[in-house]
Amino acid sequence: MQIETPPTVKPYAKPEGERRGLIIVNTGDGKGKSTAAFGLALRAHGRRHVHGKAVRIFQFMKVPSARFGEHRMFEQLGIPIEGLGDGFSWKSPDLEHSAQLARNGWEKAKAAILSGDYFLVVLDELTYPLIYSWMPLDDVLHTLQSRPKEVHVVITGRRCPPEIIALADTVTEMTKIKHAFNAGIPAQRGIED
């Protein structure tokens, strides 16, 4: 560890640009992509009295009946969270059905983004149906570019297409340094599901 002296002068100037909706991407092989998006959803929901609009979460790979910890808490808080898929692709008995679920789910998410009714729309695990060619990337890009000016969108998932990264305002790559799974430790309830 390197010891540092705390800064005594603000290390940056306040930006002078306009406030507007952002496109935020959490990608990479490390843990925390969805978790960071959910934390942002909680922050936005907590400021609802300021911006007056709701938060909406779509999960492209989770099943509609999923009851993970985030589902239970978001439901208690009144934040809609919707599973749009049928789970891990390797468990799917019909990948064309999985692809159709992703396309149908995209239409719901697209409508929510374009409606302007939401301050923040989270598109959790959107990258997977894109890289599997289950959904048209061009439609996603057009929707992101055409959204109402005040709508923020968060996209999560590994291997985010470079076209989305180029369009995004903020991109964070989660880098795996170490993961318990690689040491033979299974997913822990309440931590990873």
N, C-alpha and C. Protein backbone atom coordinates (compact mmCIF):
# COMPACT_ATOMS: atom_id res chain seq x y z
N MET A 1 0.85 -1.18 0.00
CA MET A 1 0.00 0.00 0.00
C MET A 1 0.89 1.23 0.00
N GLN A 2 0.49 2.18 -0.81
CA GLN A 2 1.21 3.45 -0.86
C GLN A 2 0.42 4.49 -0.07
N ILE A 3 1.08 5.16 0.84
CA ILE A 3 0.44 6.20 1.66
C ILE A 3 0.41 7.50 0.87
N GLU A 4 -0.71 8.20 0.92
CA GLU A 4 -0.87 9.48 0.22
C GLU A 4 -1.30 10.55 1.20
N THR A 5 -1.02 11.77 0.84
CA THR A 5 -1.52 12.92 1.59
C THR A 5 -2.88 13.28 1.01
N PRO A 6 -3.90 13.46 1.83
CA PRO A 6 -5.21 13.80 1.28
C PRO A 6 -5.17 15.16 0.59
N PRO A 7 -5.88 15.29 -0.55
CA PRO A 7 -5.89 16.58 -1.25
C PRO A 7 -6.57 17.65 -0.40
N THR A 8 -6.04 18.83 -0.43
CA THR A 8 -6.63 19.95 0.30
C THR A 8 -7.27 20.96 -0.64
N VAL A 9 -7.10 20.73 -1.95
CA VAL A 9 -7.71 21.58 -2.98
C VAL A 9 -8.51 20.66 -3.90
N LYS A 10 -9.69 21.09 -4.27
CA LYS A 10 -10.53 20.30 -5.18
C LYS A 10 -9.73 19.97 -6.44
N PRO A 11 -9.63 18.68 -6.79
CA PRO A 11 -8.76 18.28 -7.90
C PRO A 11 -9.37 18.42 -9.30
N TYR A 12 -10.53 19.04 -9.39
CA TYR A 12 -11.17 19.21 -10.70
C TYR A 12 -12.07 20.44 -10.66
N ALA A 13 -12.37 20.97 -11.86
CA ALA A 13 -13.29 22.10 -11.98
C ALA A 13 -14.69 21.57 -12.23
N LYS A 14 -15.69 22.29 -11.78
CA LYS A 14 -17.08 21.89 -11.99
C LYS A 14 -17.42 22.00 -13.48
N PRO A 15 -17.96 20.91 -14.09
CA PRO A 15 -18.34 20.97 -15.50
C PRO A 15 -19.42 22.03 -15.73
N GLU A 16 -19.38 22.66 -16.89
CA GLU A 16 -20.35 23.71 -17.19
C GLU A 16 -21.40 23.29 -18.22
N GLY A 17 -21.40 22.02 -18.63
CA GLY A 17 -22.37 21.54 -19.61
C GLY A 17 -23.77 21.43 -19.03
N GLU A 18 -24.73 21.10 -19.90
CA GLU A 18 -26.12 20.97 -19.46
C GLU A 18 -26.36 19.62 -18.80
N ARG A 19 -27.33 19.60 -17.89
CA ARG A 19 -27.76 18.34 -17.30
C ARG A 19 -28.67 17.65 -18.30
N ARG A 20 -28.44 16.36 -18.49
CA ARG A 20 -29.24 15.58 -19.43
C ARG A 20 -29.13 14.11 -19.08
N GLY A 21 -29.99 13.32 -19.68
CA GLY A 21 -29.94 11.89 -19.46
C GLY A 21 -28.64 11.29 -19.98
N LEU A 22 -28.11 10.35 -19.25
CA LEU A 22 -26.85 9.70 -19.61
C LEU A 22 -27.08 8.27 -20.03
N ILE A 23 -26.18 7.76 -20.83
CA ILE A 23 -26.09 6.34 -21.12
C ILE A 23 -24.88 5.84 -20.35
N ILE A 24 -25.13 4.89 -19.45
CA ILE A 24 -24.09 4.36 -18.57
C ILE A 24 -23.96 2.87 -18.85
N VAL A 25 -22.74 2.40 -19.04
CA VAL A 25 -22.48 0.99 -19.33
C VAL A 25 -21.59 0.41 -18.24
N ASN A 26 -22.01 -0.73 -17.70
CA ASN A 26 -21.20 -1.53 -16.77
C ASN A 26 -20.92 -2.84 -17.48
N THR A 27 -19.66 -3.06 -17.87
CA THR A 27 -19.31 -4.24 -18.64
C THR A 27 -18.05 -4.88 -18.05
N GLY A 28 -17.56 -5.92 -18.67
CA GLY A 28 -16.35 -6.60 -18.22
C GLY A 28 -16.64 -7.94 -17.57
N ASP A 29 -15.57 -8.67 -17.25
CA ASP A 29 -15.70 -10.01 -16.70
C ASP A 29 -15.78 -10.05 -15.19
N GLY A 30 -15.62 -8.92 -14.53
CA GLY A 30 -15.66 -8.89 -13.07
C GLY A 30 -17.07 -8.82 -12.52
N LYS A 31 -17.18 -9.10 -11.22
CA LYS A 31 -18.46 -9.01 -10.52
C LYS A 31 -18.84 -7.55 -10.32
N GLY A 32 -20.14 -7.30 -10.20
CA GLY A 32 -20.60 -5.98 -9.79
C GLY A 32 -21.32 -5.16 -10.84
N LYS A 33 -21.49 -5.67 -12.04
CA LYS A 33 -22.15 -4.89 -13.10
C LYS A 33 -23.60 -4.60 -12.76
N SER A 34 -24.35 -5.65 -12.48
CA SER A 34 -25.76 -5.48 -12.11
C SER A 34 -25.88 -4.81 -10.75
N THR A 35 -25.02 -5.20 -9.83
CA THR A 35 -25.08 -4.63 -8.48
C THR A 35 -24.91 -3.12 -8.53
N ALA A 36 -23.97 -2.64 -9.35
CA ALA A 36 -23.77 -1.19 -9.49
C ALA A 36 -25.01 -0.54 -10.10
N ALA A 37 -25.61 -1.19 -11.09
CA ALA A 37 -26.82 -0.64 -11.72
C ALA A 37 -27.97 -0.58 -10.71
N PHE A 38 -28.09 -1.62 -9.88
CA PHE A 38 -29.16 -1.63 -8.88
C PHE A 38 -28.93 -0.56 -7.82
N GLY A 39 -27.69 -0.33 -7.46
CA GLY A 39 -27.38 0.75 -6.52
C GLY A 39 -27.76 2.10 -7.10
N LEU A 40 -27.51 2.29 -8.38
CA LEU A 40 -27.89 3.54 -9.03
C LEU A 40 -29.42 3.67 -9.09
N ALA A 41 -30.10 2.54 -9.32
CA ALA A 41 -31.58 2.57 -9.32
C ALA A 41 -32.11 2.99 -7.95
N LEU A 42 -31.49 2.49 -6.89
CA LEU A 42 -31.90 2.89 -5.54
C LEU A 42 -31.65 4.38 -5.31
N ARG A 43 -30.49 4.86 -5.75
CA ARG A 43 -30.18 6.28 -5.60
C ARG A 43 -31.20 7.13 -6.35
N ALA A 44 -31.50 6.75 -7.59
CA ALA A 44 -32.46 7.52 -8.39
C ALA A 44 -33.85 7.49 -7.76
N HIS A 45 -34.24 6.32 -7.27
CA HIS A 45 -35.55 6.19 -6.63
C HIS A 45 -35.62 7.07 -5.38
N GLY A 46 -34.52 7.13 -4.65
CA GLY A 46 -34.47 7.95 -3.44
C GLY A 46 -34.56 9.44 -3.73
N ARG A 47 -34.25 9.83 -4.96
CA ARG A 47 -34.33 11.24 -5.36
C ARG A 47 -35.58 11.51 -6.19
N ARG A 48 -36.52 10.60 -6.18
CA ARG A 48 -37.72 10.74 -7.00
C ARG A 48 -38.46 12.05 -6.71
N HIS A 49 -38.41 12.50 -5.47
CA HIS A 49 -39.09 13.75 -5.12
C HIS A 49 -38.46 14.94 -5.87
N VAL A 50 -37.21 14.80 -6.30
CA VAL A 50 -36.53 15.88 -7.02
C VAL A 50 -36.90 15.86 -8.51
N HIS A 51 -36.81 14.68 -9.12
CA HIS A 51 -37.04 14.61 -10.57
C HIS A 51 -38.45 14.17 -10.92
N GLY A 52 -39.21 13.66 -9.98
CA GLY A 52 -40.62 13.37 -10.18
C GLY A 52 -40.95 12.19 -11.07
N LYS A 53 -39.96 11.43 -11.49
CA LYS A 53 -40.23 10.29 -12.37
C LYS A 53 -39.68 9.01 -11.77
N ALA A 54 -40.21 7.91 -12.22
CA ALA A 54 -39.91 6.60 -11.66
C ALA A 54 -38.67 5.96 -12.28
N VAL A 55 -38.31 4.83 -11.70
CA VAL A 55 -37.23 3.98 -12.17
C VAL A 55 -37.85 2.68 -12.65
N ARG A 56 -37.29 2.08 -13.68
CA ARG A 56 -37.79 0.81 -14.20
C ARG A 56 -36.60 -0.07 -14.53
N ILE A 57 -36.69 -1.35 -14.19
CA ILE A 57 -35.60 -2.30 -14.42
C ILE A 57 -36.10 -3.46 -15.26
N PHE A 58 -35.37 -3.75 -16.32
CA PHE A 58 -35.64 -4.91 -17.17
C PHE A 58 -34.43 -5.83 -17.10
N GLN A 59 -34.66 -7.12 -16.88
CA GLN A 59 -33.59 -8.11 -16.83
C GLN A 59 -33.76 -9.07 -18.01
N PHE A 60 -32.85 -8.98 -18.96
CA PHE A 60 -33.02 -9.71 -20.21
C PHE A 60 -32.78 -11.21 -20.11
N MET A 61 -32.07 -11.67 -19.10
CA MET A 61 -31.81 -13.11 -19.01
C MET A 61 -32.57 -13.78 -17.87
N LYS A 62 -33.13 -13.02 -16.96
CA LYS A 62 -33.88 -13.61 -15.85
C LYS A 62 -35.29 -13.98 -16.29
N VAL A 63 -35.84 -15.02 -15.66
CA VAL A 63 -37.20 -15.43 -15.96
C VAL A 63 -38.18 -14.48 -15.27
N PRO A 64 -39.39 -14.33 -15.80
CA PRO A 64 -40.37 -13.44 -15.17
C PRO A 64 -40.72 -13.82 -13.73
N SER A 65 -40.59 -15.10 -13.39
CA SER A 65 -40.94 -15.55 -12.05
C SER A 65 -39.76 -15.48 -11.07
N ALA A 66 -38.63 -14.92 -11.47
CA ALA A 66 -37.43 -14.86 -10.60
C ALA A 66 -37.76 -14.17 -9.29
N ARG A 67 -37.23 -14.70 -8.21
CA ARG A 67 -37.48 -14.15 -6.87
C ARG A 67 -36.16 -13.99 -6.12
N PHE A 68 -35.17 -13.40 -6.76
CA PHE A 68 -33.90 -13.14 -6.11
C PHE A 68 -34.07 -12.00 -5.12
N GLY A 69 -33.05 -11.76 -4.33
CA GLY A 69 -33.12 -10.72 -3.31
C GLY A 69 -33.48 -9.36 -3.87
N GLU A 70 -32.91 -9.01 -5.04
CA GLU A 70 -33.22 -7.71 -5.62
C GLU A 70 -34.70 -7.59 -6.00
N HIS A 71 -35.30 -8.68 -6.45
CA HIS A 71 -36.72 -8.65 -6.81
C HIS A 71 -37.58 -8.37 -5.58
N ARG A 72 -37.28 -9.05 -4.51
CA ARG A 72 -38.05 -8.87 -3.28
C ARG A 72 -37.96 -7.44 -2.76
N MET A 73 -36.76 -6.88 -2.75
CA MET A 73 -36.59 -5.53 -2.22
C MET A 73 -37.17 -4.46 -3.15
N PHE A 74 -36.91 -4.59 -4.45
CA PHE A 74 -37.45 -3.59 -5.37
C PHE A 74 -38.97 -3.59 -5.35
N GLU A 75 -39.58 -4.77 -5.23
CA GLU A 75 -41.04 -4.82 -5.13
C GLU A 75 -41.52 -4.12 -3.87
N GLN A 76 -40.83 -4.31 -2.75
CA GLN A 76 -41.22 -3.62 -1.51
C GLN A 76 -41.10 -2.11 -1.65
N LEU A 77 -40.12 -1.66 -2.42
CA LEU A 77 -39.89 -0.22 -2.61
C LEU A 77 -40.76 0.39 -3.72
N GLY A 78 -41.45 -0.47 -4.46
CA GLY A 78 -42.29 0.03 -5.54
C GLY A 78 -41.51 0.33 -6.82
N ILE A 79 -40.38 -0.33 -7.01
CA ILE A 79 -39.59 -0.17 -8.24
C ILE A 79 -39.87 -1.38 -9.11
N PRO A 80 -40.49 -1.18 -10.28
CA PRO A 80 -40.79 -2.32 -11.14
C PRO A 80 -39.51 -2.97 -11.68
N ILE A 81 -39.42 -4.28 -11.52
CA ILE A 81 -38.32 -5.07 -12.05
C ILE A 81 -38.94 -6.26 -12.76
N GLU A 82 -38.54 -6.47 -14.00
CA GLU A 82 -39.21 -7.48 -14.82
C GLU A 82 -38.19 -8.36 -15.51
N GLY A 83 -38.29 -9.68 -15.27
CA GLY A 83 -37.49 -10.65 -16.00
C GLY A 83 -38.12 -10.87 -17.37
N LEU A 84 -37.29 -10.85 -18.39
CA LEU A 84 -37.79 -10.93 -19.77
C LEU A 84 -37.37 -12.22 -20.47
N GLY A 85 -36.48 -12.99 -19.87
CA GLY A 85 -35.91 -14.14 -20.56
C GLY A 85 -36.34 -15.47 -19.98
N ASP A 86 -35.51 -16.49 -20.28
CA ASP A 86 -35.79 -17.82 -19.73
C ASP A 86 -34.55 -18.43 -19.09
N GLY A 87 -33.66 -17.58 -18.59
CA GLY A 87 -32.51 -18.05 -17.84
C GLY A 87 -31.27 -18.24 -18.69
N PHE A 88 -30.31 -18.96 -18.13
CA PHE A 88 -29.04 -19.20 -18.82
C PHE A 88 -29.29 -19.89 -20.15
N SER A 89 -28.59 -19.46 -21.19
CA SER A 89 -28.78 -20.04 -22.53
C SER A 89 -28.50 -21.53 -22.54
N TRP A 90 -27.53 -22.00 -21.75
CA TRP A 90 -27.20 -23.42 -21.76
C TRP A 90 -28.27 -24.28 -21.11
N LYS A 91 -29.23 -23.64 -20.44
CA LYS A 91 -30.34 -24.39 -19.86
C LYS A 91 -31.59 -24.33 -20.75
N SER A 92 -31.54 -23.53 -21.80
CA SER A 92 -32.71 -23.36 -22.64
C SER A 92 -32.93 -24.57 -23.55
N PRO A 93 -34.16 -25.11 -23.55
CA PRO A 93 -34.45 -26.21 -24.46
C PRO A 93 -34.70 -25.72 -25.90
N ASP A 94 -34.87 -24.40 -26.08
CA ASP A 94 -35.21 -23.86 -27.40
C ASP A 94 -34.63 -22.45 -27.51
N LEU A 95 -33.46 -22.33 -28.11
CA LEU A 95 -32.79 -21.03 -28.20
C LEU A 95 -33.55 -20.04 -29.08
N GLU A 96 -34.31 -20.53 -30.04
CA GLU A 96 -35.12 -19.59 -30.84
C GLU A 96 -36.21 -18.97 -29.97
N HIS A 97 -36.77 -19.76 -29.06
CA HIS A 97 -37.74 -19.21 -28.11
C HIS A 97 -37.07 -18.17 -27.21
N SER A 98 -35.86 -18.47 -26.76
CA SER A 98 -35.10 -17.50 -25.94
C SER A 98 -34.89 -16.20 -26.71
N ALA A 99 -34.55 -16.33 -27.99
CA ALA A 99 -34.34 -15.16 -28.83
C ALA A 99 -35.63 -14.35 -28.97
N GLN A 100 -36.74 -15.04 -29.14
CA GLN A 100 -38.02 -14.33 -29.27
C GLN A 100 -38.39 -13.62 -27.98
N LEU A 101 -38.11 -14.24 -26.84
CA LEU A 101 -38.35 -13.57 -25.56
C LEU A 101 -37.53 -12.29 -25.46
N ALA A 102 -36.27 -12.35 -25.91
CA ALA A 102 -35.42 -11.15 -25.88
C ALA A 102 -35.98 -10.06 -26.78
N ARG A 103 -36.44 -10.44 -27.97
CA ARG A 103 -37.02 -9.44 -28.89
C ARG A 103 -38.30 -8.84 -28.30
N ASN A 104 -39.14 -9.67 -27.72
CA ASN A 104 -40.36 -9.17 -27.08
C ASN A 104 -40.02 -8.26 -25.91
N GLY A 105 -39.04 -8.67 -25.13
CA GLY A 105 -38.61 -7.86 -23.99
C GLY A 105 -38.04 -6.53 -24.44
N TRP A 106 -37.29 -6.55 -25.53
CA TRP A 106 -36.74 -5.29 -26.04
C TRP A 106 -37.87 -4.32 -26.40
N GLU A 107 -38.93 -4.81 -26.98
CA GLU A 107 -40.04 -3.92 -27.34
C GLU A 107 -40.62 -3.25 -26.09
N LYS A 108 -40.71 -3.98 -24.98
CA LYS A 108 -41.19 -3.39 -23.72
C LYS A 108 -40.21 -2.33 -23.21
N ALA A 109 -38.93 -2.69 -23.21
CA ALA A 109 -37.91 -1.76 -22.72
C ALA A 109 -37.84 -0.52 -23.61
N LYS A 110 -37.89 -0.72 -24.89
CA LYS A 110 -37.86 0.39 -25.84
C LYS A 110 -39.02 1.35 -25.59
N ALA A 111 -40.21 0.80 -25.41
CA ALA A 111 -41.39 1.64 -25.14
C ALA A 111 -41.20 2.44 -23.85
N ALA A 112 -40.63 1.81 -22.82
CA ALA A 112 -40.40 2.51 -21.55
C ALA A 112 -39.39 3.65 -21.73
N ILE A 113 -38.33 3.39 -22.47
CA ILE A 113 -37.31 4.42 -22.71
C ILE A 113 -37.90 5.59 -23.48
N LEU A 114 -38.60 5.31 -24.55
CA LEU A 114 -39.11 6.36 -25.43
C LEU A 114 -40.30 7.10 -24.84
N SER A 115 -40.97 6.49 -23.85
CA SER A 115 -42.16 7.13 -23.26
C SER A 115 -41.82 8.41 -22.52
N GLY A 116 -40.60 8.49 -21.98
CA GLY A 116 -40.24 9.64 -21.16
C GLY A 116 -40.83 9.59 -19.76
N ASP A 117 -41.50 8.48 -19.43
CA ASP A 117 -42.13 8.34 -18.11
C ASP A 117 -41.13 7.99 -17.01
N TYR A 118 -39.92 7.61 -17.38
CA TYR A 118 -38.95 7.13 -16.42
C TYR A 118 -37.71 8.02 -16.39
N PHE A 119 -37.23 8.27 -15.20
CA PHE A 119 -35.99 9.00 -15.00
C PHE A 119 -34.80 8.10 -15.35
N LEU A 120 -34.92 6.82 -14.96
CA LEU A 120 -33.85 5.85 -15.18
C LEU A 120 -34.44 4.52 -15.62
N VAL A 121 -33.89 3.96 -16.69
CA VAL A 121 -34.27 2.63 -17.15
C VAL A 121 -32.99 1.79 -17.13
N VAL A 122 -33.05 0.68 -16.38
CA VAL A 122 -31.92 -0.25 -16.31
C VAL A 122 -32.19 -1.40 -17.26
N LEU A 123 -31.23 -1.68 -18.14
CA LEU A 123 -31.30 -2.79 -19.09
C LEU A 123 -30.25 -3.82 -18.67
N ASP A 124 -30.61 -4.60 -17.67
CA ASP A 124 -29.68 -5.55 -17.07
C ASP A 124 -29.46 -6.73 -18.01
N GLU A 125 -28.19 -7.05 -18.27
CA GLU A 125 -27.79 -8.17 -19.13
C GLU A 125 -28.25 -8.01 -20.57
N LEU A 126 -28.40 -6.77 -21.01
CA LEU A 126 -28.79 -6.51 -22.41
C LEU A 126 -27.73 -6.99 -23.40
N THR A 127 -26.47 -6.97 -22.99
CA THR A 127 -25.41 -7.30 -23.94
C THR A 127 -25.53 -8.73 -24.47
N TYR A 128 -26.07 -9.66 -23.68
CA TYR A 128 -26.11 -11.05 -24.11
C TYR A 128 -27.02 -11.27 -25.31
N PRO A 129 -28.29 -10.83 -25.29
CA PRO A 129 -29.09 -11.01 -26.49
C PRO A 129 -28.53 -10.25 -27.70
N LEU A 130 -27.76 -9.21 -27.46
CA LEU A 130 -27.14 -8.50 -28.58
C LEU A 130 -26.00 -9.32 -29.18
N ILE A 131 -25.11 -9.82 -28.34
CA ILE A 131 -23.96 -10.56 -28.89
C ILE A 131 -24.37 -11.95 -29.41
N TYR A 132 -25.54 -12.44 -28.98
CA TYR A 132 -26.06 -13.70 -29.54
C TYR A 132 -26.84 -13.45 -30.84
N SER A 133 -26.95 -12.21 -31.26
CA SER A 133 -27.72 -11.83 -32.46
C SER A 133 -29.20 -12.13 -32.32
N TRP A 134 -29.71 -12.07 -31.09
CA TRP A 134 -31.13 -12.28 -30.88
C TRP A 134 -31.92 -11.00 -31.10
N MET A 135 -31.24 -9.87 -31.06
CA MET A 135 -31.90 -8.56 -31.20
C MET A 135 -31.08 -7.70 -32.14
N PRO A 136 -31.73 -6.77 -32.85
CA PRO A 136 -30.99 -5.89 -33.75
C PRO A 136 -30.28 -4.76 -33.00
N LEU A 137 -28.96 -4.72 -33.13
CA LEU A 137 -28.17 -3.67 -32.50
C LEU A 137 -28.58 -2.29 -33.01
N ASP A 138 -28.87 -2.18 -34.29
CA ASP A 138 -29.24 -0.88 -34.86
C ASP A 138 -30.47 -0.28 -34.18
N ASP A 139 -31.44 -1.11 -33.84
CA ASP A 139 -32.65 -0.61 -33.18
C ASP A 139 -32.33 -0.11 -31.77
N VAL A 140 -31.44 -0.83 -31.09
CA VAL A 140 -31.03 -0.40 -29.75
C VAL A 140 -30.31 0.94 -29.83
N LEU A 141 -29.38 1.07 -30.77
CA LEU A 141 -28.64 2.33 -30.94
C LEU A 141 -29.59 3.47 -31.27
N HIS A 142 -30.51 3.23 -32.19
CA HIS A 142 -31.47 4.27 -32.58
C HIS A 142 -32.34 4.69 -31.40
N THR A 143 -32.77 3.73 -30.60
CA THR A 143 -33.60 4.03 -29.43
C THR A 143 -32.82 4.87 -28.43
N LEU A 144 -31.58 4.48 -28.17
CA LEU A 144 -30.76 5.24 -27.22
C LEU A 144 -30.54 6.68 -27.71
N GLN A 145 -30.32 6.83 -29.00
CA GLN A 145 -30.10 8.17 -29.56
C GLN A 145 -31.38 8.99 -29.61
N SER A 146 -32.54 8.34 -29.73
CA SER A 146 -33.82 9.03 -29.89
C SER A 146 -34.57 9.24 -28.58
N ARG A 147 -34.05 8.73 -27.49
CA ARG A 147 -34.77 8.81 -26.22
C ARG A 147 -34.96 10.27 -25.80
N PRO A 148 -35.99 10.53 -25.00
CA PRO A 148 -36.16 11.88 -24.47
C PRO A 148 -34.90 12.33 -23.73
N LYS A 149 -34.61 13.57 -23.83
CA LYS A 149 -33.36 14.16 -23.33
C LYS A 149 -33.08 13.89 -21.85
N GLU A 150 -34.13 13.75 -21.05
CA GLU A 150 -33.93 13.60 -19.61
C GLU A 150 -33.86 12.15 -19.13
N VAL A 151 -33.98 11.18 -20.03
CA VAL A 151 -34.02 9.77 -19.64
C VAL A 151 -32.59 9.19 -19.56
N HIS A 152 -32.25 8.65 -18.40
CA HIS A 152 -30.98 7.96 -18.19
C HIS A 152 -31.18 6.47 -18.47
N VAL A 153 -30.18 5.83 -19.05
CA VAL A 153 -30.24 4.39 -19.33
C VAL A 153 -28.95 3.75 -18.85
N VAL A 154 -29.08 2.64 -18.12
CA VAL A 154 -27.92 1.86 -17.69
C VAL A 154 -27.99 0.51 -18.38
N ILE A 155 -26.89 0.10 -18.97
CA ILE A 155 -26.78 -1.18 -19.67
C ILE A 155 -25.71 -2.01 -18.96
N THR A 156 -26.03 -3.29 -18.69
CA THR A 156 -25.04 -4.16 -18.06
C THR A 156 -24.82 -5.40 -18.91
N GLY A 157 -23.67 -6.04 -18.67
CA GLY A 157 -23.35 -7.32 -19.29
C GLY A 157 -21.95 -7.36 -19.86
N ARG A 158 -21.44 -8.54 -20.00
CA ARG A 158 -20.09 -8.72 -20.55
C ARG A 158 -20.08 -8.40 -22.06
N ARG A 159 -18.90 -8.10 -22.55
CA ARG A 159 -18.63 -7.91 -23.98
C ARG A 159 -19.60 -6.93 -24.64
N CYS A 160 -19.78 -5.79 -24.03
CA CYS A 160 -20.68 -4.78 -24.58
C CYS A 160 -20.22 -4.41 -25.99
N PRO A 161 -21.14 -4.36 -26.96
CA PRO A 161 -20.75 -4.00 -28.32
C PRO A 161 -20.06 -2.64 -28.36
N PRO A 162 -19.00 -2.52 -29.15
CA PRO A 162 -18.25 -1.26 -29.23
C PRO A 162 -19.11 -0.08 -29.68
N GLU A 163 -20.15 -0.34 -30.46
CA GLU A 163 -21.02 0.74 -30.92
C GLU A 163 -21.76 1.38 -29.74
N ILE A 164 -22.15 0.57 -28.77
CA ILE A 164 -22.81 1.11 -27.57
C ILE A 164 -21.79 1.84 -26.70
N ILE A 165 -20.60 1.27 -26.58
CA ILE A 165 -19.55 1.93 -25.80
C ILE A 165 -19.24 3.30 -26.40
N ALA A 166 -19.18 3.39 -27.72
CA ALA A 166 -18.89 4.68 -28.37
C ALA A 166 -20.00 5.69 -28.09
N LEU A 167 -21.24 5.24 -28.01
CA LEU A 167 -22.38 6.13 -27.79
C LEU A 167 -22.52 6.54 -26.32
N ALA A 168 -22.05 5.70 -25.41
CA ALA A 168 -22.26 5.91 -23.97
C ALA A 168 -21.51 7.14 -23.46
N ASP A 169 -22.06 7.69 -22.37
CA ASP A 169 -21.42 8.81 -21.69
C ASP A 169 -20.42 8.33 -20.64
N THR A 170 -20.75 7.26 -19.96
CA THR A 170 -19.91 6.70 -18.90
C THR A 170 -19.83 5.19 -19.11
N VAL A 171 -18.62 4.66 -19.15
CA VAL A 171 -18.41 3.22 -19.31
C VAL A 171 -17.44 2.77 -18.22
N THR A 172 -17.86 1.75 -17.48
CA THR A 172 -17.00 1.17 -16.47
C THR A 172 -16.79 -0.30 -16.82
N GLU A 173 -15.53 -0.71 -16.84
CA GLU A 173 -15.23 -2.11 -17.09
C GLU A 173 -14.85 -2.75 -15.76
N MET A 174 -15.64 -3.72 -15.35
CA MET A 174 -15.36 -4.46 -14.13
C MET A 174 -14.33 -5.54 -14.48
N THR A 175 -13.18 -5.49 -13.84
CA THR A 175 -12.10 -6.42 -14.12
C THR A 175 -12.02 -7.45 -13.01
N LYS A 176 -12.05 -8.72 -13.41
CA LYS A 176 -11.93 -9.79 -12.41
C LYS A 176 -10.46 -9.93 -12.03
N ILE A 177 -10.20 -9.75 -10.76
CA ILE A 177 -8.86 -9.99 -10.23
C ILE A 177 -8.84 -11.36 -9.56
N LYS A 178 -9.93 -11.67 -8.88
CA LYS A 178 -10.06 -12.94 -8.17
C LYS A 178 -11.55 -13.19 -7.99
N HIS A 179 -11.98 -14.45 -8.10
CA HIS A 179 -13.39 -14.78 -7.90
C HIS A 179 -13.49 -16.09 -7.14
N ALA A 180 -14.35 -16.12 -6.14
CA ALA A 180 -14.53 -17.31 -5.30
C ALA A 180 -14.91 -18.54 -6.12
N PHE A 181 -15.68 -18.35 -7.18
CA PHE A 181 -16.12 -19.47 -8.02
C PHE A 181 -14.92 -20.24 -8.56
N ASN A 182 -13.85 -19.52 -8.94
CA ASN A 182 -12.66 -20.17 -9.48
C ASN A 182 -11.91 -20.98 -8.42
N ALA A 183 -12.22 -20.74 -7.17
CA ALA A 183 -11.63 -21.53 -6.07
C ALA A 183 -12.56 -22.66 -5.66
N GLY A 184 -13.62 -22.89 -6.44
CA GLY A 184 -14.55 -23.98 -6.15
C GLY A 184 -15.66 -23.64 -5.19
N ILE A 185 -15.83 -22.35 -4.89
CA ILE A 185 -16.88 -21.93 -3.96
C ILE A 185 -18.13 -21.58 -4.76
N PRO A 186 -19.27 -22.22 -4.50
CA PRO A 186 -20.48 -21.95 -5.29
C PRO A 186 -21.06 -20.57 -4.97
N ALA A 187 -21.96 -20.12 -5.81
CA ALA A 187 -22.66 -18.84 -5.60
C ALA A 187 -23.32 -18.85 -4.24
N GLN A 188 -23.22 -17.75 -3.54
CA GLN A 188 -23.77 -17.62 -2.19
C GLN A 188 -25.10 -16.90 -2.25
N ARG A 189 -26.11 -17.48 -1.62
CA ARG A 189 -27.43 -16.85 -1.59
C ARG A 189 -27.34 -15.49 -0.89
N GLY A 190 -27.94 -14.50 -1.50
CA GLY A 190 -27.92 -13.15 -0.96
C GLY A 190 -26.72 -12.35 -1.39
N ILE A 191 -25.73 -13.00 -2.01
CA ILE A 191 -24.55 -12.31 -2.53
C ILE A 191 -24.57 -12.35 -4.05
N GLU A 192 -24.82 -13.52 -4.61
CA GLU A 192 -24.80 -13.67 -6.06
C GLU A 192 -26.14 -14.13 -6.64
N ASP A 193 -27.14 -14.26 -5.83
CA ASP A 193 -28.48 -14.58 -6.35
C ASP A 193 -29.53 -14.09 -5.41
